[in-house]
Amino acid sequence: MTQFIEATIDENRVMSFDMKAVYEGENNSSVIKIPLDIWADESIDFYSLSLETYPFGRHYYIGNIGREDCPFATVSEGFLLLPLTTRLTSAGKLRLQLSAHYTDENGREIIEKTSIANLVFKPSMVQTDLTPAEFTSLQAQFNTLKARVDDLDKEMDYDYFCAALCARLLYVNKRITPIHFPQSGSRAEELVDELLSDFTADGKTTHYIVMPTYSGECASLIAIYAVEGNAVVGRYSGRALLEFMLSQVKG
């Protein structure tokens, strides 16, 4: 006879469960039921659960909940459903935290979490293997990554990517190697003029500007740095970008 262990989530995302008789070592006879109405106004990509058994301290993660490639938990009629397996009930206590994953209007990934909730199971005569299982298979993780890559613009600007990567590889901190990402080529040119007007050629700071494709020229990396007390502005792409990066590393 399957029973549901129902949760509540308040406006502060504090999650708690009702009391039901669950004994150590029981398998799939009880199902955790978590309401998802707190995210009813969001377009959720998927949910995930982080779990920890006590006192043995085994950690588990279930991702992609709500998608077809998650066999361990499901979303149905506004609830997340997770059957309690032997592995989760055998330690006596289970801690769990729910996360909702979605993307905002600016394309940024948002993760919202509930508080950590506890379930305590009644003692029973249990003998089981507590070796952790990998709830989320490598194939499932690969599928998730592939889906995100497929969502990217197919016409990727590889020159822009290389310029940004070079800047990031040469990055030390915001004071020594600030990196700028102007939205357009014209804004990049304005930014160069602004930085040069305030630039102190003391040899301690190098500005990196990742310039988008502009006026028929491919995306590039602009560097503003000092040589013998004079400000130098260099623009690099392709092979020159690699040579510049190597010169900075060797220097």
Protein backbone atom coordinates (compact mmCIF):
# COMPACT_ATOMS: atom_id res chain seq x y z
CA MET A 1 0.00 0.00 0.00
CA THR A 2 1.66 3.22 -1.19
CA GLN A 3 1.39 6.26 1.06
CA PHE A 4 2.29 9.87 0.32
CA ILE A 5 4.50 11.91 2.63
CA GLU A 6 3.33 15.42 1.83
CA ALA A 7 5.47 18.53 2.15
CA THR A 8 4.60 22.19 2.57
CA ILE A 9 6.71 25.14 1.35
CA ASP A 10 5.95 28.56 2.84
CA GLU A 11 6.56 32.00 1.33
CA ASN A 12 10.15 31.96 2.65
CA ARG A 13 10.75 28.61 0.91
CA VAL A 14 10.94 26.77 4.23
CA MET A 15 10.05 23.15 3.52
CA SER A 16 8.64 20.69 6.07
CA PHE A 17 6.92 17.29 5.95
CA ASP A 18 3.94 15.73 7.68
CA MET A 19 4.40 12.76 9.98
CA LYS A 20 3.85 9.29 8.51
CA ALA A 21 4.92 5.83 9.62
CA VAL A 22 7.99 4.93 7.57
CA TYR A 23 10.40 2.26 8.80
CA GLU A 24 14.09 1.88 8.09
CA GLY A 25 14.77 -0.23 5.02
CA GLU A 26 11.34 0.12 3.43
CA ASN A 27 11.41 0.23 -0.36
CA ASN A 28 9.03 2.20 -2.61
CA SER A 29 6.12 1.91 -0.17
CA SER A 30 6.16 5.64 0.52
CA VAL A 31 6.39 8.55 -1.91
CA ILE A 32 7.54 12.06 -1.08
CA LYS A 33 5.06 14.59 -2.50
CA ILE A 34 6.28 18.19 -2.76
CA PRO A 35 4.00 21.02 -4.02
CA LEU A 36 5.55 23.24 -6.68
CA ASP A 37 2.98 26.06 -6.68
CA ILE A 38 5.52 28.53 -5.27
CA TRP A 39 7.07 28.51 -8.78
CA ALA A 40 3.76 28.52 -10.64
CA ASP A 41 4.57 31.89 -12.25
CA GLU A 42 7.99 30.79 -13.52
CA SER A 43 8.84 28.74 -16.61
CA ILE A 44 10.91 26.09 -14.84
CA ASP A 45 13.52 24.20 -16.89
CA PHE A 46 13.87 21.40 -14.35
CA TYR A 47 14.04 20.65 -10.62
CA SER A 48 16.75 18.90 -8.63
CA LEU A 49 17.02 17.26 -5.23
CA SER A 50 20.07 17.09 -2.98
CA LEU A 51 19.81 14.32 -0.39
CA GLU A 52 21.90 13.14 2.53
CA THR A 53 21.37 10.08 4.73
CA TYR A 54 22.23 10.12 8.42
CA PRO A 55 24.16 8.99 10.39
CA PHE A 56 26.22 7.53 7.53
CA GLY A 57 26.48 10.79 5.60
CA ARG A 58 25.88 9.46 2.09
CA HIS A 59 25.20 12.21 -0.45
CA TYR A 60 22.98 11.89 -3.52
CA TYR A 61 21.88 14.24 -6.26
CA ILE A 62 18.90 13.85 -8.60
CA GLY A 63 18.81 16.27 -11.52
CA ASN A 64 16.60 16.85 -14.55
CA ILE A 65 13.42 16.26 -12.54
CA GLY A 66 10.50 17.12 -14.79
CA ARG A 67 12.29 15.95 -17.92
CA GLU A 68 11.95 12.61 -19.64
CA ASP A 69 15.53 11.57 -18.88
CA CYS A 70 15.04 11.46 -15.08
CA PRO A 71 13.87 7.97 -14.03
CA PHE A 72 14.07 8.56 -10.27
CA ALA A 73 11.54 11.34 -9.67
CA THR A 74 8.69 12.88 -11.64
CA VAL A 75 6.56 16.02 -11.80
CA SER A 76 2.82 15.44 -12.01
CA GLU A 77 -0.12 17.84 -11.62
CA GLY A 78 1.94 20.45 -9.80
CA PHE A 79 3.76 18.06 -7.45
CA LEU A 80 7.22 16.52 -7.40
CA LEU A 81 7.04 12.81 -6.58
CA LEU A 82 10.00 10.81 -5.24
CA PRO A 83 9.62 7.16 -4.16
CA LEU A 84 11.64 6.35 -1.04
CA THR A 85 13.97 3.48 -1.90
CA THR A 86 15.78 1.20 0.52
CA ARG A 87 18.95 3.19 0.01
CA LEU A 88 17.24 6.38 1.21
CA THR A 89 15.41 4.87 4.20
CA SER A 90 18.08 2.53 5.61
CA ALA A 91 20.16 5.08 7.55
CA GLY A 92 17.41 6.27 9.91
CA LYS A 93 17.30 9.91 8.83
CA LEU A 94 17.11 11.70 5.49
CA ARG A 95 17.89 15.36 4.81
CA LEU A 96 16.78 16.87 1.52
CA GLN A 97 16.69 20.20 -0.30
CA LEU A 98 14.76 21.06 -3.45
CA SER A 99 16.09 23.41 -6.15
CA ALA A 100 14.23 24.99 -9.08
CA HIS A 101 16.25 25.86 -12.18
CA TYR A 102 15.04 28.41 -14.74
CA THR A 103 16.23 31.22 -17.02
CA ASP A 104 15.26 34.87 -16.57
CA GLU A 105 14.42 37.39 -19.30
CA ASN A 106 18.13 38.24 -19.68
CA GLY A 107 19.11 34.64 -20.32
CA ARG A 108 20.74 34.15 -16.92
CA GLU A 109 20.33 30.83 -15.13
CA ILE A 110 18.46 31.19 -11.83
CA ILE A 111 18.53 28.55 -9.08
CA GLU A 112 16.16 28.90 -6.14
CA LYS A 113 16.35 26.51 -3.20
CA THR A 114 14.11 25.51 -0.33
CA SER A 115 15.37 25.08 3.18
CA ILE A 116 16.78 21.71 4.22
CA ALA A 117 14.02 19.43 5.50
CA ASN A 118 14.42 16.30 7.62
CA LEU A 119 12.67 12.94 7.57
CA VAL A 120 13.16 10.50 10.45
CA PHE A 121 12.37 6.81 9.94
CA LYS A 122 11.34 4.43 12.69
CA PRO A 123 13.76 1.66 13.68
CA SER A 124 13.59 -1.68 11.92
CA MET A 125 15.76 -4.77 11.44
CA VAL A 126 17.71 -3.73 8.37
CA GLN A 127 20.61 -5.30 6.52
CA THR A 128 21.43 -3.56 3.27
CA ASP A 129 24.23 -2.26 1.13
CA LEU A 130 24.64 1.49 1.54
CA THR A 131 27.05 1.95 -1.34
CA PRO A 132 25.97 5.18 -3.03
CA ALA A 133 24.51 4.88 -6.49
CA GLU A 134 24.92 7.54 -9.15
CA PHE A 135 21.35 8.75 -9.40
CA THR A 136 22.06 10.96 -12.39
CA SER A 137 23.85 8.91 -15.02
CA LEU A 138 26.64 10.37 -17.12
CA GLN A 139 24.41 9.97 -20.16
CA ALA A 140 21.68 12.05 -18.52
CA GLN A 141 24.18 14.74 -17.58
CA PHE A 142 25.52 14.73 -21.14
CA ASN A 143 21.99 15.11 -22.53
CA THR A 144 21.40 18.11 -20.28
CA LEU A 145 24.63 19.75 -21.40
CA LYS A 146 23.87 19.01 -25.05
CA ALA A 147 20.42 20.57 -24.73
CA ARG A 148 21.94 23.77 -23.35
CA VAL A 149 24.55 23.91 -26.11
CA ASP A 150 21.84 23.37 -28.73
CA ASP A 151 20.01 26.39 -27.33
CA LEU A 152 22.98 28.62 -28.13
CA ASP A 153 23.10 30.57 -31.34
CA LYS A 154 24.15 28.23 -34.12
CA GLU A 155 26.10 31.08 -35.77
CA MET A 156 28.66 31.33 -33.00
CA ASP A 157 31.27 34.08 -33.44
CA TYR A 158 34.48 32.12 -32.86
CA ASP A 159 36.69 35.21 -33.17
CA TYR A 160 34.74 36.82 -30.33
CA PHE A 161 34.98 33.61 -28.32
CA CYS A 162 38.77 33.45 -28.80
CA ALA A 163 39.20 37.10 -27.84
CA ALA A 164 37.13 36.64 -24.68
CA LEU A 165 38.96 33.43 -23.81
CA CYS A 166 42.35 35.11 -24.22
CA ALA A 167 41.29 37.95 -21.94
CA ARG A 168 40.06 35.49 -19.34
CA LEU A 169 43.27 33.44 -19.46
CA LEU A 170 45.34 36.59 -18.91
CA TYR A 171 43.05 37.85 -16.14
CA VAL A 172 44.62 38.40 -12.70
CA ASN A 173 42.10 40.59 -10.85
CA LYS A 174 39.86 43.61 -11.43
CA ARG A 175 42.58 46.06 -10.47
CA ILE A 176 45.47 44.70 -12.53
CA THR A 177 43.67 43.27 -15.58
CA PRO A 178 40.13 44.66 -15.86
CA ILE A 179 38.13 43.12 -18.73
CA HIS A 180 35.46 45.08 -20.62
CA PHE A 181 32.68 43.68 -22.80
CA PRO A 182 31.13 46.56 -24.78
CA GLN A 183 27.89 45.75 -26.57
CA SER A 184 28.98 47.16 -29.95
CA GLY A 185 32.06 48.12 -31.92
CA SER A 186 31.23 51.82 -31.70
CA ARG A 187 30.91 51.57 -27.94
CA ALA A 188 34.28 49.78 -27.85
CA GLU A 189 35.91 52.69 -29.66
CA GLU A 190 34.35 55.15 -27.21
CA LEU A 191 35.57 53.02 -24.33
CA VAL A 192 39.15 53.07 -25.65
CA ASP A 193 39.08 56.89 -25.71
CA GLU A 194 37.65 57.02 -22.19
CA LEU A 195 40.22 54.61 -20.77
CA LEU A 196 43.12 56.39 -22.47
CA SER A 197 42.05 59.72 -21.01
CA ASP A 198 42.32 58.29 -17.49
CA PHE A 199 45.16 55.82 -18.12
CA THR A 200 48.20 56.01 -15.88
CA ALA A 201 51.19 54.49 -17.65
CA ASP A 202 52.76 53.07 -14.51
CA GLY A 203 53.00 49.56 -15.92
CA LYS A 204 50.69 48.09 -13.29
CA THR A 205 47.39 47.88 -15.18
CA THR A 206 46.37 46.36 -18.50
CA HIS A 207 42.85 46.91 -19.80
CA TYR A 208 41.37 44.20 -22.03
CA ILE A 209 38.44 45.13 -24.27
CA VAL A 210 36.64 42.32 -26.10
CA MET A 211 35.50 44.04 -29.29
CA PRO A 212 32.61 42.56 -31.29
CA THR A 213 32.67 42.21 -35.08
CA TYR A 214 32.54 45.76 -36.46
CA SER A 215 32.76 47.53 -39.82
CA GLY A 216 33.60 44.36 -41.67
CA GLU A 217 36.44 43.42 -39.31
CA CYS A 218 36.33 40.28 -37.19
CA ALA A 219 35.98 40.41 -33.43
CA SER A 220 39.22 41.09 -31.62
CA LEU A 221 40.92 41.81 -28.33
CA ILE A 222 42.05 45.37 -27.63
CA ALA A 223 44.74 45.77 -24.97
CA ILE A 224 45.71 49.07 -23.34
CA TYR A 225 48.96 48.80 -21.42
CA ALA A 226 52.17 50.70 -20.66
CA VAL A 227 55.61 50.36 -22.24
CA GLU A 228 58.41 52.48 -20.76
CA GLY A 229 55.93 54.99 -19.37
CA ASN A 230 53.89 55.34 -22.54
CA ALA A 231 50.36 54.10 -23.15
CA VAL A 232 50.10 51.49 -25.91
CA VAL A 233 46.92 50.34 -27.64
CA GLY A 234 47.01 47.03 -29.49
CA ARG A 235 44.31 45.15 -31.36
CA TYR A 236 44.69 41.41 -31.83
CA SER A 237 42.85 38.64 -33.66
CA GLY A 238 43.73 35.35 -35.28
CA ARG A 239 47.42 34.43 -35.12
CA ALA A 240 48.30 37.81 -33.66
CA LEU A 241 46.03 37.07 -30.71
CA LEU A 242 47.93 33.88 -29.94
CA GLU A 243 51.29 35.62 -30.26
CA PHE A 244 50.15 38.41 -27.95
CA MET A 245 48.94 35.96 -25.32
CA LEU A 246 52.24 34.05 -25.46
CA SER A 247 54.21 37.28 -25.13
CA GLN A 248 52.24 38.20 -22.01
CA VAL A 249 52.76 34.78 -20.46
CA LYS A 250 56.49 34.81 -21.20
CA GLY A 251 56.76 38.37 -19.94
